[in-house]
Amino acid sequence: RKAEEAKNTKREASIKALEEKRKNSITKSNEEEKDMSRMRSAIQDAIQEKKRKAEEIKKAKFMANMKAFEAKRNEAAAEIRVVEVERKKNEERLRGEYEARVAAENNKKLREEEE
């Protein structure tokens, strides 16, 4: 009878050990799965952050190009205004020269007619 009890006790201890081992295995597996999930999440976060920064850089480059274009456009507009002013001055000078020449010719003709 004592041998039977010892056998039962040994069997129960063996069952308990196996259950404990299984429980530890499941716990370990769950911990590993949580760790893997955290790692995947961290990787996704890093990828999203990298994409966000790349988009910021792209936007900043675009804005810099737009400002450079705007500056060149303003510079060209200023040059055009200067050329327009010079053109108008030249037109006025040429008109004045033409009118003076015509007036001189008219005066010459009048003098010739008077003589």
PDB file of N, CA and C in Angstrom:
ATOM      1  N   ARG A   1       0.831  -1.195   0.000  1.00  0.00           N
ATOM      2  CA  ARG A   1       0.000   0.000   0.000  1.00  0.00           C
ATOM      3  C   ARG A   1       0.873   1.255   0.000  1.00  0.00           C
ATOM      4  N   LYS A   2       1.901   1.240   0.823  1.00  0.00           N
ATOM      5  CA  LYS A   2       2.812   2.387   0.869  1.00  0.00           C
ATOM      6  C   LYS A   2       3.519   2.558  -0.458  1.00  0.00           C
ATOM      7  N   ALA A   3       3.820   1.448  -1.072  1.00  0.00           N
ATOM      8  CA  ALA A   3       4.465   1.514  -2.375  1.00  0.00           C
ATOM      9  C   ALA A   3       3.498   2.132  -3.392  1.00  0.00           C
ATOM     10  N   GLU A   4       2.232   1.767  -3.268  1.00  0.00           N
ATOM     11  CA  GLU A   4       1.205   2.322  -4.162  1.00  0.00           C
ATOM     12  C   GLU A   4       1.081   3.832  -3.946  1.00  0.00           C
ATOM     13  N   GLU A   5       1.048   4.256  -2.679  1.00  0.00           N
ATOM     14  CA  GLU A   5       0.951   5.693  -2.366  1.00  0.00           C
ATOM     15  C   GLU A   5       2.175   6.439  -2.883  1.00  0.00           C
ATOM     16  N   ALA A   6       3.330   5.838  -2.685  1.00  0.00           N
ATOM     17  CA  ALA A   6       4.574   6.458  -3.159  1.00  0.00           C
ATOM     18  C   ALA A   6       4.530   6.589  -4.677  1.00  0.00           C
ATOM     19  N   LYS A   7       4.002   5.544  -5.325  1.00  0.00           N
ATOM     20  CA  LYS A   7       3.890   5.552  -6.772  1.00  0.00           C
ATOM     21  C   LYS A   7       2.935   6.673  -7.232  1.00  0.00           C
ATOM     22  N   ASN A   8       1.785   6.783  -6.507  1.00  0.00           N
ATOM     23  CA  ASN A   8       0.806   7.832  -6.820  1.00  0.00           C
ATOM     24  C   ASN A   8       1.401   9.220  -6.578  1.00  0.00           C
ATOM     25  N   THR A   9       2.111   9.369  -5.486  1.00  0.00           N
ATOM     26  CA  THR A   9       2.736  10.654  -5.146  1.00  0.00           C
ATOM     27  C   THR A   9       3.755  11.023  -6.208  1.00  0.00           C
ATOM     28  N   LYS A  10       4.526  10.019  -6.614  1.00  0.00           N
ATOM     29  CA  LYS A  10       5.537  10.247  -7.653  1.00  0.00           C
ATOM     30  C   LYS A  10       4.862  10.658  -8.968  1.00  0.00           C
ATOM     31  N   ARG A  11       3.756   9.941  -9.292  1.00  0.00           N
ATOM     32  CA  ARG A  11       3.025  10.251 -10.525  1.00  0.00           C
ATOM     33  C   ARG A  11       2.446  11.670 -10.455  1.00  0.00           C
ATOM     34  N   GLU A  12       1.846  12.016  -9.297  1.00  0.00           N
ATOM     35  CA  GLU A  12       1.268  13.361  -9.138  1.00  0.00           C
ATOM     36  C   GLU A  12       2.358  14.432  -9.253  1.00  0.00           C
ATOM     37  N   ALA A  13       3.508  14.166  -8.648  1.00  0.00           N
ATOM     38  CA  ALA A  13       4.621  15.113  -8.727  1.00  0.00           C
ATOM     39  C   ALA A  13       5.080  15.261 -10.172  1.00  0.00           C
ATOM     40  N   SER A  14       5.115  14.154 -10.904  1.00  0.00           N
ATOM     41  CA  SER A  14       5.526  14.169 -12.302  1.00  0.00           C
ATOM     42  C   SER A  14       4.515  14.961 -13.136  1.00  0.00           C
ATOM     43  N   ILE A  15       3.221  14.749 -12.860  1.00  0.00           N
ATOM     44  CA  ILE A  15       2.153  15.477 -13.584  1.00  0.00           C
ATOM     45  C   ILE A  15       2.258  16.971 -13.296  1.00  0.00           C
ATOM     46  N   LYS A  16       2.460  17.298 -11.984  1.00  0.00           N
ATOM     47  CA  LYS A  16       2.579  18.703 -11.605  1.00  0.00           C
ATOM     48  C   LYS A  16       3.800  19.339 -12.297  1.00  0.00           C
ATOM     49  N   ALA A  17       4.874  18.616 -12.352  1.00  0.00           N
ATOM     50  CA  ALA A  17       6.092  19.132 -12.994  1.00  0.00           C
ATOM     51  C   ALA A  17       5.837  19.381 -14.480  1.00  0.00           C
ATOM     52  N   LEU A  18       5.149  18.410 -15.121  1.00  0.00           N
ATOM     53  CA  LEU A  18       4.831  18.587 -16.544  1.00  0.00           C
ATOM     54  C   LEU A  18       3.904  19.786 -16.767  1.00  0.00           C
ATOM     55  N   GLU A  19       2.890  19.933 -15.894  1.00  0.00           N
ATOM     56  CA  GLU A  19       1.977  21.070 -16.008  1.00  0.00           C
ATOM     57  C   GLU A  19       2.725  22.392 -15.817  1.00  0.00           C
ATOM     58  N   GLU A  20       3.606  22.405 -14.838  1.00  0.00           N
ATOM     59  CA  GLU A  20       4.405  23.614 -14.567  1.00  0.00           C
ATOM     60  C   GLU A  20       5.293  23.944 -15.768  1.00  0.00           C
ATOM     61  N   LYS A  21       5.900  22.897 -16.333  1.00  0.00           N
ATOM     62  CA  LYS A  21       6.768  23.062 -17.489  1.00  0.00           C
ATOM     63  C   LYS A  21       5.958  23.612 -18.675  1.00  0.00           C
ATOM     64  N   ARG A  22       4.747  23.052 -18.875  1.00  0.00           N
ATOM     65  CA  ARG A  22       3.879  23.511 -19.963  1.00  0.00           C
ATOM     66  C   ARG A  22       3.473  24.974 -19.741  1.00  0.00           C
ATOM     67  N   LYS A  23       3.109  25.291 -18.490  1.00  0.00           N
ATOM     68  CA  LYS A  23       2.710  26.660 -18.153  1.00  0.00           C
ATOM     69  C   LYS A  23       3.866  27.632 -18.429  1.00  0.00           C
ATOM     70  N   ASN A  24       5.077  27.234 -18.008  1.00  0.00           N
ATOM     71  CA  ASN A  24       6.255  28.084 -18.234  1.00  0.00           C
ATOM     72  C   ASN A  24       6.532  28.257 -19.728  1.00  0.00           C
ATOM     73  N   SER A  25       6.334  27.174 -20.477  1.00  0.00           N
ATOM     74  CA  SER A  25       6.552  27.213 -21.916  1.00  0.00           C
ATOM     75  C   SER A  25       5.567  28.178 -22.579  1.00  0.00           C
ATOM     76  N   ILE A  26       4.299  28.093 -22.157  1.00  0.00           N
ATOM     77  CA  ILE A  26       3.266  28.979 -22.705  1.00  0.00           C
ATOM     78  C   ILE A  26       3.584  30.429 -22.338  1.00  0.00           C
ATOM     79  N   THR A  27       3.962  30.650 -21.080  1.00  0.00           N
ATOM     80  CA  THR A  27       4.304  32.000 -20.623  1.00  0.00           C
ATOM     81  C   THR A  27       5.474  32.555 -21.426  1.00  0.00           C
ATOM     82  N   LYS A  28       6.494  31.699 -21.608  1.00  0.00           N
ATOM     83  CA  LYS A  28       7.662  32.116 -22.369  1.00  0.00           C
ATOM     84  C   LYS A  28       7.280  32.445 -23.813  1.00  0.00           C
ATOM     85  N   SER A  29       6.438  31.596 -24.397  1.00  0.00           N
ATOM     86  CA  SER A  29       5.981  31.807 -25.758  1.00  0.00           C
ATOM     87  C   SER A  29       5.202  33.122 -25.868  1.00  0.00           C
ATOM     88  N   ASN A  30       4.333  33.373 -24.887  1.00  0.00           N
ATOM     89  CA  ASN A  30       3.557  34.624 -24.882  1.00  0.00           C
ATOM     90  C   ASN A  30       4.481  35.837 -24.755  1.00  0.00           C
ATOM     91  N   GLU A  31       5.484  35.727 -23.900  1.00  0.00           N
ATOM     92  CA  GLU A  31       6.453  36.823 -23.717  1.00  0.00           C
ATOM     93  C   GLU A  31       7.199  37.084 -25.031  1.00  0.00           C
ATOM     94  N   GLU A  32       7.616  35.997 -25.692  1.00  0.00           N
ATOM     95  CA  GLU A  32       8.337  36.140 -26.959  1.00  0.00           C
ATOM     96  C   GLU A  32       7.446  36.796 -28.011  1.00  0.00           C
ATOM     97  N   GLU A  33       6.184  36.388 -28.033  1.00  0.00           N
ATOM     98  CA  GLU A  33       5.242  36.969 -28.993  1.00  0.00           C
ATOM     99  C   GLU A  33       5.047  38.465 -28.715  1.00  0.00           C
ATOM    100  N   LYS A  34       4.923  38.821 -27.439  1.00  0.00           N
ATOM    101  CA  LYS A  34       4.790  40.248 -27.075  1.00  0.00           C
ATOM    102  C   LYS A  34       6.036  41.019 -27.501  1.00  0.00           C
ATOM    103  N   ASP A  35       7.217  40.434 -27.264  1.00  0.00           N
ATOM    104  CA  ASP A  35       8.475  41.089 -27.667  1.00  0.00           C
ATOM    105  C   ASP A  35       8.513  41.296 -29.180  1.00  0.00           C
ATOM    106  N   MET A  36       8.124  40.259 -29.926  1.00  0.00           N
ATOM    107  CA  MET A  36       8.110  40.364 -31.381  1.00  0.00           C
ATOM    108  C   MET A  36       7.118  41.444 -31.836  1.00  0.00           C
ATOM    109  N   SER A  37       5.976  41.491 -31.192  1.00  0.00           N
ATOM    110  CA  SER A  37       4.964  42.484 -31.531  1.00  0.00           C
ATOM    111  C   SER A  37       5.499  43.896 -31.261  1.00  0.00           C
ATOM    112  N   ARG A  38       6.176  44.069 -30.114  1.00  0.00           N
ATOM    113  CA  ARG A  38       6.766  45.377 -29.787  1.00  0.00           C
ATOM    114  C   ARG A  38       7.821  45.766 -30.828  1.00  0.00           C
ATOM    115  N   MET A  39       8.635  44.768 -31.235  1.00  0.00           N
ATOM    116  CA  MET A  39       9.671  45.047 -32.231  1.00  0.00           C
ATOM    117  C   MET A  39       9.052  45.450 -33.569  1.00  0.00           C
ATOM    118  N   ARG A  40       8.021  44.708 -33.995  1.00  0.00           N
ATOM    119  CA  ARG A  40       7.357  45.053 -35.252  1.00  0.00           C
ATOM    120  C   ARG A  40       6.771  46.467 -35.176  1.00  0.00           C
ATOM    121  N   SER A  41       6.170  46.768 -34.062  1.00  0.00           N
ATOM    122  CA  SER A  41       5.583  48.094 -33.877  1.00  0.00           C
ATOM    123  C   SER A  41       6.668  49.174 -33.915  1.00  0.00           C
ATOM    124  N   ALA A  42       7.794  48.925 -33.260  1.00  0.00           N
ATOM    125  CA  ALA A  42       8.893  49.892 -33.252  1.00  0.00           C
ATOM    126  C   ALA A  42       9.444  50.095 -34.670  1.00  0.00           C
ATOM    127  N   ILE A  43       9.546  48.996 -35.421  1.00  0.00           N
ATOM    128  CA  ILE A  43      10.038  49.090 -36.803  1.00  0.00           C
ATOM    129  C   ILE A  43       9.068  49.910 -37.649  1.00  0.00           C
ATOM    130  N   GLN A  44       7.764  49.640 -37.506  1.00  0.00           N
ATOM    131  CA  GLN A  44       6.763  50.404 -38.261  1.00  0.00           C
ATOM    132  C   GLN A  44       6.818  51.891 -37.896  1.00  0.00           C
ATOM    133  N   ASP A  45       6.974  52.164 -36.596  1.00  0.00           N
ATOM    134  CA  ASP A  45       7.075  53.562 -36.158  1.00  0.00           C
ATOM    135  C   ASP A  45       8.295  54.233 -36.783  1.00  0.00           C
ATOM    136  N   ALA A  46       9.422  53.514 -36.809  1.00  0.00           N
ATOM    137  CA  ALA A  46      10.647  54.074 -37.388  1.00  0.00           C
ATOM    138  C   ALA A  46      10.460  54.334 -38.881  1.00  0.00           C
ATOM    139  N   ILE A  47       9.809  53.410 -39.569  1.00  0.00           N
ATOM    140  CA  ILE A  47       9.560  53.591 -41.007  1.00  0.00           C
ATOM    141  C   ILE A  47       8.673  54.816 -41.233  1.00  0.00           C
ATOM    142  N   GLN A  48       7.607  54.935 -40.446  1.00  0.00           N
ATOM    143  CA  GLN A  48       6.704  56.086 -40.591  1.00  0.00           C
ATOM    144  C   GLN A  48       7.446  57.400 -40.318  1.00  0.00           C
ATOM    145  N   GLU A  49       8.291  57.404 -39.294  1.00  0.00           N
ATOM    146  CA  GLU A  49       9.053  58.612 -38.958  1.00  0.00           C
ATOM    147  C   GLU A  49      10.003  58.985 -40.101  1.00  0.00           C
ATOM    148  N   LYS A  50      10.643  57.974 -40.688  1.00  0.00           N
ATOM    149  CA  LYS A  50      11.556  58.221 -41.808  1.00  0.00           C
ATOM    150  C   LYS A  50      10.787  58.792 -43.000  1.00  0.00           C
ATOM    151  N   LYS A  51       9.601  58.227 -43.273  1.00  0.00           N
ATOM    152  CA  LYS A  51       8.771  58.741 -44.372  1.00  0.00           C
ATOM    153  C   LYS A  51       8.358  60.183 -44.109  1.00  0.00           C
ATOM    154  N   ARG A  52       7.976  60.467 -42.855  1.00  0.00           N
ATOM    155  CA  ARG A  52       7.536  61.818 -42.492  1.00  0.00           C
ATOM    156  C   ARG A  52       8.678  62.822 -42.690  1.00  0.00           C
ATOM    157  N   LYS A  53       9.886  62.433 -42.234  1.00  0.00           N
ATOM    158  CA  LYS A  53      11.032  63.329 -42.392  1.00  0.00           C
ATOM    159  C   LYS A  53      11.377  63.528 -43.862  1.00  0.00           C
ATOM    160  N   ALA A  54      11.296  62.457 -44.648  1.00  0.00           N
ATOM    161  CA  ALA A  54      11.573  62.567 -46.090  1.00  0.00           C
ATOM    162  C   ALA A  54      10.567  63.519 -46.732  1.00  0.00           C
ATOM    163  N   GLU A  55       9.318  63.420 -46.320  1.00  0.00           N
ATOM    164  CA  GLU A  55       8.272  64.303 -46.862  1.00  0.00           C
ATOM    165  C   GLU A  55       8.545  65.752 -46.456  1.00  0.00           C
ATOM    166  N   GLU A  56       8.983  65.969 -45.213  1.00  0.00           N
ATOM    167  CA  GLU A  56       9.322  67.319 -44.753  1.00  0.00           C
ATOM    168  C   GLU A  56      10.464  67.896 -45.580  1.00  0.00           C
ATOM    169  N   ILE A  57      11.482  67.071 -45.826  1.00  0.00           N
ATOM    170  CA  ILE A  57      12.637  67.522 -46.611  1.00  0.00           C
ATOM    171  C   ILE A  57      12.192  67.865 -48.029  1.00  0.00           C
ATOM    172  N   LYS A  58      11.357  67.002 -48.603  1.00  0.00           N
ATOM    173  CA  LYS A  58      10.851  67.231 -49.961  1.00  0.00           C
ATOM    174  C   LYS A  58      10.083  68.558 -50.016  1.00  0.00           C
ATOM    175  N   LYS A  59       9.246  68.785 -48.999  1.00  0.00           N
ATOM    176  CA  LYS A  59       8.450  70.010 -48.952  1.00  0.00           C
ATOM    177  C   LYS A  59       9.352  71.234 -48.795  1.00  0.00           C
ATOM    178  N   ALA A  60      10.382  71.105 -47.941  1.00  0.00           N
ATOM    179  CA  ALA A  60      11.313  72.218 -47.726  1.00  0.00           C
ATOM    180  C   ALA A  60      12.080  72.540 -49.004  1.00  0.00           C
ATOM    181  N   LYS A  61      12.510  71.503 -49.729  1.00  0.00           N
ATOM    182  CA  LYS A  61      13.225  71.729 -50.992  1.00  0.00           C
ATOM    183  C   LYS A  61      12.304  72.424 -51.993  1.00  0.00           C
ATOM    184  N   PHE A  62      11.055  71.971 -52.053  1.00  0.00           N
ATOM    185  CA  PHE A  62      10.095  72.578 -52.971  1.00  0.00           C
ATOM    186  C   PHE A  62       9.907  74.059 -52.639  1.00  0.00           C
ATOM    187  N   MET A  63       9.748  74.359 -51.346  1.00  0.00           N
ATOM    188  CA  MET A  63       9.547  75.750 -50.937  1.00  0.00           C
ATOM    189  C   MET A  63      10.785  76.589 -51.271  1.00  0.00           C
ATOM    190  N   ALA A  64      11.977  76.024 -51.059  1.00  0.00           N
ATOM    191  CA  ALA A  64      13.208  76.750 -51.381  1.00  0.00           C
ATOM    192  C   ALA A  64      13.271  77.031 -52.882  1.00  0.00           C
ATOM    193  N   ASN A  65      12.900  76.028 -53.684  1.00  0.00           N
ATOM    194  CA  ASN A  65      12.890  76.230 -55.134  1.00  0.00           C
ATOM    195  C   ASN A  65      11.873  77.293 -55.534  1.00  0.00           C
ATOM    196  N   MET A  66      10.724  77.274 -54.876  1.00  0.00           N
ATOM    197  CA  MET A  66       9.692  78.273 -55.181  1.00  0.00           C
ATOM    198  C   MET A  66      10.198  79.677 -54.838  1.00  0.00           C
ATOM    199  N   LYS A  67      10.867  79.812 -53.694  1.00  0.00           N
ATOM    200  CA  LYS A  67      11.381  81.128 -53.299  1.00  0.00           C
ATOM    201  C   LYS A  67      12.461  81.584 -54.268  1.00  0.00           C
ATOM    202  N   ALA A  68      13.330  80.657 -54.697  1.00  0.00           N
ATOM    203  CA  ALA A  68      14.378  81.004 -55.658  1.00  0.00           C
ATOM    204  C   ALA A  68      13.745  81.438 -56.983  1.00  0.00           C
ATOM    205  N   PHE A  69      12.729  80.709 -57.409  1.00  0.00           N
ATOM    206  CA  PHE A  69      12.030  81.060 -58.648  1.00  0.00           C
ATOM    207  C   PHE A  69      11.394  82.439 -58.523  1.00  0.00           C
ATOM    208  N   GLU A  70      10.762  82.684 -57.385  1.00  0.00           N
ATOM    209  CA  GLU A  70      10.108  83.973 -57.145  1.00  0.00           C
ATOM    210  C   GLU A  70      11.138  85.104 -57.192  1.00  0.00           C
ATOM    211  N   ALA A  71      12.308  84.867 -56.585  1.00  0.00           N
ATOM    212  CA  ALA A  71      13.367  85.881 -56.590  1.00  0.00           C
ATOM    213  C   ALA A  71      13.841  86.152 -58.024  1.00  0.00           C
ATOM    214  N   LYS A  72      14.033  85.087 -58.803  1.00  0.00           N
ATOM    215  CA  LYS A  72      14.469  85.270 -60.196  1.00  0.00           C
ATOM    216  C   LYS A  72      13.407  86.003 -61.004  1.00  0.00           C
ATOM    217  N   ARG A  73      12.153  85.664 -60.756  1.00  0.00           N
ATOM    218  CA  ARG A  73      11.055  86.321 -61.471  1.00  0.00           C
ATOM    219  C   ARG A  73      11.021  87.807 -61.140  1.00  0.00           C
ATOM    220  N   ASN A  74      11.188  88.123 -59.838  1.00  0.00           N
ATOM    221  CA  ASN A  74      11.194  89.529 -59.422  1.00  0.00           C
ATOM    222  C   ASN A  74      12.376  90.269 -60.041  1.00  0.00           C
ATOM    223  N   GLU A  75      13.530  89.594 -60.092  1.00  0.00           N
ATOM    224  CA  GLU A  75      14.726  90.198 -60.694  1.00  0.00           C
ATOM    225  C   GLU A  75      14.485  90.472 -62.181  1.00  0.00           C
ATOM    226  N   ALA A  76      13.893  89.509 -62.871  1.00  0.00           N
ATOM    227  CA  ALA A  76      13.602  89.683 -64.295  1.00  0.00           C
ATOM    228  C   ALA A  76      12.603  90.813 -64.499  1.00  0.00           C
ATOM    229  N   ALA A  77      11.606  90.892 -63.633  1.00  0.00           N
ATOM    230  CA  ALA A  77      10.602  91.960 -63.748  1.00  0.00           C
ATOM    231  C   ALA A  77      11.270  93.324 -63.554  1.00  0.00           C
ATOM    232  N   ALA A  78      12.206  93.401 -62.606  1.00  0.00           N
ATOM    233  CA  ALA A  78      12.919  94.658 -62.374  1.00  0.00           C
ATOM    234  C   ALA A  78      13.755  95.020 -63.608  1.00  0.00           C
ATOM    235  N   GLU A  79      14.419  94.039 -64.202  1.00  0.00           N
ATOM    236  CA  GLU A  79      15.212  94.289 -65.405  1.00  0.00           C
ATOM    237  C   GLU A  79      14.309  94.777 -66.539  1.00  0.00           C
ATOM    238  N   ILE A  80      13.133  94.164 -66.656  1.00  0.00           N
ATOM    239  CA  ILE A  80      12.192  94.573 -67.700  1.00  0.00           C
ATOM    240  C   ILE A  80      11.767  96.023 -67.491  1.00  0.00           C
ATOM    241  N   ARG A  81      11.511  96.402 -66.236  1.00  0.00           N
ATOM    242  CA  ARG A  81      11.116  97.787 -65.951  1.00  0.00           C
ATOM    243  C   ARG A  81      12.238  98.755 -66.340  1.00  0.00           C
ATOM    244  N   VAL A  82      13.490  98.383 -66.034  1.00  0.00           N
ATOM    245  CA  VAL A  82      14.629  99.239 -66.384  1.00  0.00           C
ATOM    246  C   VAL A  82      14.712  99.395 -67.891  1.00  0.00           C
ATOM    247  N   VAL A  83      14.563  98.288 -68.636  1.00  0.00           N
ATOM    248  CA  VAL A  83      14.623  98.334 -70.096  1.00  0.00           C
ATOM    249  C   VAL A  83      13.491  99.196 -70.647  1.00  0.00           C
ATOM    250  N   GLU A  84      12.306  99.069 -70.054  1.00  0.00           N
ATOM    251  CA  GLU A  84      11.166  99.883 -70.502  1.00  0.00           C
ATOM    252  C   GLU A  84      11.453 101.379 -70.315  1.00  0.00           C
ATOM    253  N   VAL A  85      12.011 101.728 -69.165  1.00  0.00           N
ATOM    254  CA  VAL A  85      12.333 103.139 -68.901  1.00  0.00           C
ATOM    255  C   VAL A  85      13.353 103.627 -69.928  1.00  0.00           C
ATOM    256  N   GLU A  86      14.390 102.813 -70.180  1.00  0.00           N
ATOM    257  CA  GLU A  86      15.401 103.194 -71.172  1.00  0.00           C
ATOM    258  C   GLU A  86      14.775 103.340 -72.560  1.00  0.00           C
ATOM    259  N   ARG A  87      13.894 102.431 -72.922  1.00  0.00           N
ATOM    260  CA  ARG A  87      13.226 102.485 -74.223  1.00  0.00           C
ATOM    261  C   ARG A  87      12.430 103.779 -74.365  1.00  0.00           C
ATOM    262  N   LYS A  88      11.679 104.109 -73.300  1.00  0.00           N
ATOM    263  CA  LYS A  88      10.877 105.338 -73.353  1.00  0.00           C
ATOM    264  C   LYS A  88      11.779 106.567 -73.479  1.00  0.00           C
ATOM    265  N   LYS A  89      12.892 106.581 -72.757  1.00  0.00           N
ATOM    266  CA  LYS A  89      13.833 107.704 -72.858  1.00  0.00           C
ATOM    267  C   LYS A  89      14.365 107.805 -74.286  1.00  0.00           C
ATOM    268  N   ASN A  90      14.759 106.650 -74.849  1.00  0.00           N
ATOM    269  CA  ASN A  90      15.271 106.652 -76.221  1.00  0.00           C
ATOM    270  C   ASN A  90      14.208 107.119 -77.208  1.00  0.00           C
ATOM    271  N   GLU A  91      12.969 106.653 -77.029  1.00  0.00           N
ATOM    272  CA  GLU A  91      11.886 107.086 -77.909  1.00  0.00           C
ATOM    273  C   GLU A  91      11.710 108.595 -77.846  1.00  0.00           C
ATOM    274  N   GLU A  92      11.706 109.119 -76.614  1.00  0.00           N
ATOM    275  CA  GLU A  92      11.531 110.572 -76.441  1.00  0.00           C
ATOM    276  C   GLU A  92      12.699 111.333 -77.067  1.00  0.00           C
ATOM    277  N   ARG A  93      13.931 110.831 -76.866  1.00  0.00           N
ATOM    278  CA  ARG A  93      15.104 111.481 -77.443  1.00  0.00           C
ATOM    279  C   ARG A  93      15.020 111.472 -78.965  1.00  0.00           C
ATOM    280  N   LEU A  94      14.692 110.274 -79.511  1.00  0.00           N
ATOM    281  CA  LEU A  94      14.591 110.170 -80.969  1.00  0.00           C
ATOM    282  C   LEU A  94      13.462 111.051 -81.516  1.00  0.00           C
ATOM    283  N   ARG A  95      12.350 111.092 -80.804  1.00  0.00           N
ATOM    284  CA  ARG A  95      11.229 111.939 -81.237  1.00  0.00           C
ATOM    285  C   ARG A  95      11.673 113.401 -81.236  1.00  0.00           C
ATOM    286  N   GLY A  96      12.363 113.778 -80.157  1.00  0.00           N
ATOM    287  CA  GLY A  96      12.872 115.158 -80.074  1.00  0.00           C
ATOM    288  C   GLY A  96      13.839 115.460 -81.196  1.00  0.00           C
ATOM    289  N   GLU A  97      14.766 114.533 -81.473  1.00  0.00           N
ATOM    290  CA  GLU A  97      15.723 114.732 -82.568  1.00  0.00           C
ATOM    291  C   GLU A  97      14.989 114.844 -83.902  1.00  0.00           C
ATOM    292  N   TYR A  98      14.007 113.984 -84.116  1.00  0.00           N
ATOM    293  CA  TYR A  98      13.249 114.007 -85.374  1.00  0.00           C
ATOM    294  C   TYR A  98      12.508 115.333 -85.510  1.00  0.00           C
ATOM    295  N   GLU A  99      11.834 115.722 -84.436  1.00  0.00           N
ATOM    296  CA  GLU A  99      11.077 116.976 -84.489  1.00  0.00           C
ATOM    297  C   GLU A  99      12.015 118.158 -84.725  1.00  0.00           C
ATOM    298  N   ALA A 100      13.202 118.138 -84.116  1.00  0.00           N
ATOM    299  CA  ALA A 100      14.169 119.225 -84.314  1.00  0.00           C
ATOM    300  C   ALA A 100      14.647 119.237 -85.762  1.00  0.00           C
ATOM    301  N   ARG A 101      14.915 118.052 -86.334  1.00  0.00           N
ATOM    302  CA  ARG A 101      15.363 117.949 -87.721  1.00  0.00           C
ATOM    303  C   ARG A 101      14.266 118.456 -88.673  1.00  0.00           C
ATOM    304  N   VAL A 102      13.021 118.028 -88.418  1.00  0.00           N
ATOM    305  CA  VAL A 102      11.901 118.470 -89.256  1.00  0.00           C
ATOM    306  C   VAL A 102      11.748 119.983 -89.151  1.00  0.00           C
ATOM    307  N   ALA A 103      11.843 120.491 -87.916  1.00  0.00           N
ATOM    308  CA  ALA A 103      11.704 121.940 -87.717  1.00  0.00           C
ATOM    309  C   ALA A 103      12.832 122.670 -88.442  1.00  0.00           C
ATOM    310  N   ALA A 104      14.061 122.128 -88.375  1.00  0.00           N
ATOM    311  CA  ALA A 104      15.195 122.759 -89.049  1.00  0.00           C
ATOM    312  C   ALA A 104      14.973 122.751 -90.558  1.00  0.00           C
ATOM    313  N   GLU A 105      14.482 121.618 -91.064  1.00  0.00           N
ATOM    314  CA  GLU A 105      14.211 121.540 -92.507  1.00  0.00           C
ATOM    315  C   GLU A 105      13.121 122.515 -92.912  1.00  0.00           C
ATOM    316  N   ASN A 106      12.082 122.603 -92.088  1.00  0.00           N
ATOM    317  CA  ASN A 106      10.992 123.541 -92.384  1.00  0.00           C
ATOM    318  C   ASN A 106      11.501 124.978 -92.363  1.00  0.00           C
ATOM    319  N   ASN A 107      12.340 125.283 -91.362  1.00  0.00           N
ATOM    320  CA  ASN A 107      12.896 126.644 -91.268  1.00  0.00           C
ATOM    321  C   ASN A 107      13.764 126.931 -92.480  1.00  0.00           C
ATOM    322  N   LYS A 108      14.550 125.926 -92.902  1.00  0.00           N
ATOM    323  CA  LYS A 108      15.425 126.084 -94.064  1.00  0.00           C
ATOM    324  C   LYS A 108      14.578 126.351 -95.307  1.00  0.00           C
ATOM    325  N   LYS A 109      13.493 125.590 -95.475  1.00  0.00           N
ATOM    326  CA  LYS A 109      12.603 125.775 -96.626  1.00  0.00           C
ATOM    327  C   LYS A 109      11.971 127.169 -96.599  1.00  0.00           C
ATOM    328  N   LEU A 110      11.550 127.583 -95.386  1.00  0.00           N
ATOM    329  CA  LEU A 110      10.923 128.907 -95.261  1.00  0.00           C
ATOM    330  C   LEU A 110      11.920 129.997 -95.636  1.00  0.00           C
ATOM    331  N   ARG A 111      13.165 129.865 -95.175  1.00  0.00           N
ATOM    332  CA  ARG A 111      14.199 130.848 -95.494  1.00  0.00           C
ATOM    333  C   ARG A 111      14.463 130.869 -96.987  1.00  0.00           C
ATOM    334  N   GLU A 112      14.519 129.683 -97.580  1.00  0.00           N
ATOM    335  CA  GLU A 112      14.751 129.591 -99.004  1.00  0.00           C
ATOM    336  C   GLU A 112      13.616 130.239 -99.793  1.00  0.00           C
ATOM    337  N   GLU A 113      12.388 130.017 -99.301  1.00  0.00           N
ATOM    338  CA  GLU A 113      11.233 130.610 -99.983  1.00  0.00           C
ATOM    339  C   GLU A 113      11.247 132.122 -99.837  1.00  0.00           C
ATOM    340  N   GLU A 114      11.682 132.605 -98.673  1.00  0.00           N
ATOM    341  CA  GLU A 114      11.715 134.041 -98.429  1.00  0.00           C
ATOM    342  C   GLU A 114      12.789 134.707 -99.287  1.00  0.00           C
ATOM    343  N   GLU A 115      13.838 133.989 -99.544  1.00  0.00           N
ATOM    344  CA  GLU A 115      14.949 134.583-100.321  1.00  0.00           C
ATOM    345  C   GLU A 115      14.679 134.550-101.741  1.00  0.00           C
TER     346      GLU A 115
END
